[in-house]
């Protein structure tokens, strides 16, 4: 697996991208001052985008059906979790744009090569907002496991 967007897995058989561009903006608006340089203030992170581009060779890799699947995901109007093959979580992303260009056609008009570009935009506030406080979740699980263990010892009469 190269990357997963929701349940869609990017790999050689589906949609193998050749380039992944990740852009993150940070907001620093300026305020002009008389006789001095502008004053800048950090307002926080701005837009974060991922652009995937590559070429499909339907005889070897995914094809039009694969791109149709991605288009259907985009039409749902939902955000999808994006993570890579190492387990890195990028956040929740929407599909902004799906572009394809066919070339080198068979006699029936089917392209032998399909160049594609996908543009994704991050829409979550932060990973902490998605998953909450991991420490608090772990403490809750430990507490629940302890309660279950006490209940089991009470059922068996051990203790």
Protein backbone atom coordinates (compact mmCIF):
# COMPACT_ATOMS: atom_id res chain seq x y z
CA UNK A 1 0.00 0.00 0.00
CA UNK A 2 1.32 3.40 -1.00
CA UNK A 3 -1.46 5.52 0.51
CA UNK A 4 -5.06 5.09 1.64
CA UNK A 5 -7.87 7.63 1.36
CA UNK A 6 -10.75 6.24 3.37
CA UNK A 7 -11.18 2.66 2.15
CA UNK A 8 -9.55 3.41 -1.22
CA UNK A 9 -6.01 2.04 -1.36
CA UNK A 10 -3.45 3.53 -3.74
CA UNK A 11 -1.22 0.76 -5.09
CA UNK A 12 0.09 -0.46 -8.44
CA UNK A 13 -3.13 -2.30 -9.30
CA UNK A 14 -5.41 0.68 -8.56
CA UNK A 15 -4.01 4.21 -8.81
CA UNK A 16 -0.21 4.29 -8.53
CA UNK A 17 0.85 7.91 -8.32
CA UNK A 18 4.35 8.93 -9.37
CA UNK A 19 4.43 12.25 -7.52
CA UNK A 20 3.01 13.39 -4.20
CA UNK A 21 3.16 17.10 -3.45
CA UNK A 22 2.16 18.26 0.02
CA UNK A 23 1.69 21.98 0.66
CA UNK A 24 1.01 23.60 4.03
CA UNK A 25 0.32 27.29 4.46
CA UNK A 26 0.77 29.30 7.65
CA UNK A 27 -1.09 32.56 8.11
CA UNK A 28 1.04 35.64 8.84
CA UNK A 29 -0.97 38.75 7.96
CA UNK A 30 0.84 42.06 8.08
CA UNK A 31 -0.18 45.41 9.50
CA UNK A 32 1.49 48.49 7.98
CA UNK A 33 3.17 50.94 10.36
CA UNK A 34 4.41 54.49 9.76
CA UNK A 35 8.18 54.73 9.64
CA UNK A 36 8.68 51.07 10.51
CA UNK A 37 8.49 47.71 8.87
CA UNK A 38 5.11 46.02 8.78
CA UNK A 39 4.12 44.18 11.95
CA UNK A 40 3.29 40.51 11.45
CA UNK A 41 1.05 38.30 13.56
CA UNK A 42 0.83 34.54 13.40
CA UNK A 43 -2.81 33.43 13.16
CA UNK A 44 -2.22 29.69 12.89
CA UNK A 45 -2.11 27.08 10.16
CA UNK A 46 -3.79 27.76 6.85
CA UNK A 47 -4.79 25.46 4.03
CA UNK A 48 -3.03 22.11 3.65
CA UNK A 49 -3.22 20.31 0.32
CA UNK A 50 -1.95 17.09 -1.23
CA UNK A 51 -1.62 16.69 -4.99
CA UNK A 52 -1.13 13.22 -6.43
CA UNK A 53 -0.15 12.83 -10.07
CA UNK A 54 0.82 9.93 -12.26
CA UNK A 55 0.15 7.86 -15.32
CA UNK A 56 -2.03 4.78 -15.60
CA UNK A 57 -1.43 2.05 -18.15
CA UNK A 58 -4.72 0.09 -17.99
CA UNK A 59 -3.06 -3.09 -19.29
CA UNK A 60 -0.75 -3.06 -16.26
CA UNK A 61 -2.32 -0.78 -13.64
CA UNK A 62 -5.70 0.64 -12.79
CA UNK A 63 -7.73 2.46 -15.40
CA UNK A 64 -10.96 4.34 -15.94
CA UNK A 65 -12.87 2.23 -13.40
CA UNK A 66 -10.35 3.20 -10.71
CA UNK A 67 -10.74 6.89 -11.51
CA UNK A 68 -14.52 6.48 -11.52
CA UNK A 69 -14.29 5.09 -7.97
CA UNK A 70 -12.37 8.19 -6.85
CA UNK A 71 -14.90 10.46 -8.60
CA UNK A 72 -17.76 8.70 -6.77
CA UNK A 73 -15.96 9.26 -3.47
CA UNK A 74 -15.63 12.96 -4.35
CA UNK A 75 -19.34 13.20 -5.21
CA UNK A 76 -20.26 11.93 -1.73
CA UNK A 77 -19.02 15.24 -0.35
CA UNK A 78 -17.31 13.61 2.62
CA UNK A 79 -13.94 13.94 4.27
CA UNK A 80 -11.78 10.83 4.27
CA UNK A 81 -8.82 9.90 6.48
CA UNK A 82 -5.52 9.97 4.59
CA UNK A 83 -2.64 7.76 5.71
CA UNK A 84 0.46 6.35 4.08
CA UNK A 85 1.95 2.88 3.97
CA UNK A 86 4.09 3.51 7.05
CA UNK A 87 1.01 4.35 9.14
CA UNK A 88 1.50 8.12 9.15
CA UNK A 89 -1.87 9.84 9.52
CA UNK A 90 -2.14 13.05 7.52
CA UNK A 91 -5.65 14.01 8.64
CA UNK A 92 -9.11 14.23 7.08
CA UNK A 93 -9.17 15.23 3.41
CA UNK A 94 -11.77 16.05 0.79
CA UNK A 95 -11.28 15.44 -2.92
CA UNK A 96 -11.29 18.83 -4.67
CA UNK A 97 -10.36 17.83 -8.17
CA UNK A 98 -9.92 14.75 -10.35
CA UNK A 99 -8.28 15.36 -13.71
CA UNK A 100 -7.46 12.80 -16.38
CA UNK A 101 -5.99 12.92 -19.87
CA UNK A 102 -6.09 9.92 -22.21
CA UNK A 103 -3.38 9.26 -24.82
CA UNK A 104 -2.09 6.55 -27.15
CA UNK A 105 -5.53 5.21 -28.08
CA UNK A 106 -6.59 1.73 -29.21
CA UNK A 107 -8.77 1.57 -32.33
CA UNK A 108 -11.94 1.56 -30.17
CA UNK A 109 -10.95 4.85 -28.50
CA UNK A 110 -9.76 3.32 -25.23
CA UNK A 111 -6.61 5.05 -23.99
CA UNK A 112 -3.47 3.01 -23.46
CA UNK A 113 -2.19 5.72 -21.14
CA UNK A 114 -4.14 7.91 -18.71
CA UNK A 115 -2.38 10.80 -17.00
CA UNK A 116 -4.18 11.83 -13.80
CA UNK A 117 -4.03 14.43 -11.06
CA UNK A 118 -5.94 14.38 -7.76
CA UNK A 119 -6.13 17.40 -5.51
CA UNK A 120 -7.01 16.88 -1.85
CA UNK A 121 -7.56 19.47 0.89
CA UNK A 122 -7.32 18.88 4.62
CA UNK A 123 -10.49 19.84 6.48
CA UNK A 124 -9.96 18.73 10.09
CA UNK A 125 -8.91 21.13 12.78
CA UNK A 126 -6.03 18.98 14.03
CA UNK A 127 -5.14 15.36 14.65
CA UNK A 128 -5.81 15.94 18.36
CA UNK A 129 -9.35 17.06 17.47
CA UNK A 130 -9.90 13.86 15.49
CA UNK A 131 -8.54 11.40 18.00
CA UNK A 132 -8.82 13.35 21.24
CA UNK A 133 -6.42 13.03 24.09
CA UNK A 134 -4.67 9.66 23.61
CA UNK A 135 -3.56 9.60 27.26
CA UNK A 136 -7.13 10.05 28.47
CA UNK A 137 -8.33 7.30 26.11
CA UNK A 138 -5.62 4.93 27.37
CA UNK A 139 -6.50 5.69 31.01
CA UNK A 140 -10.16 4.95 30.26
CA UNK A 141 -9.26 1.62 28.64
CA UNK A 142 -7.07 0.62 31.59
CA UNK A 143 -9.88 1.53 33.99
CA UNK A 144 -12.44 -0.48 32.00
CA UNK A 145 -10.09 -3.47 31.81
CA UNK A 146 -9.60 -3.31 35.59
CA UNK A 147 -13.38 -3.19 36.16
CA UNK A 148 -13.85 -6.20 33.87
CA UNK A 149 -11.12 -8.13 35.68
CA UNK A 150 -12.81 -7.42 39.04
CA UNK A 151 -16.12 -8.59 37.61
CA UNK A 152 -14.59 -11.82 36.35
CA UNK A 153 -12.94 -12.61 39.70
CA UNK A 154 -16.31 -12.01 41.37
CA UNK A 155 -17.97 -14.52 39.01
CA UNK A 156 -15.36 -17.22 39.58
CA UNK A 157 -15.30 -16.74 43.34
CA UNK A 158 -11.55 -16.08 43.32
CA UNK A 159 -10.28 -13.08 45.13
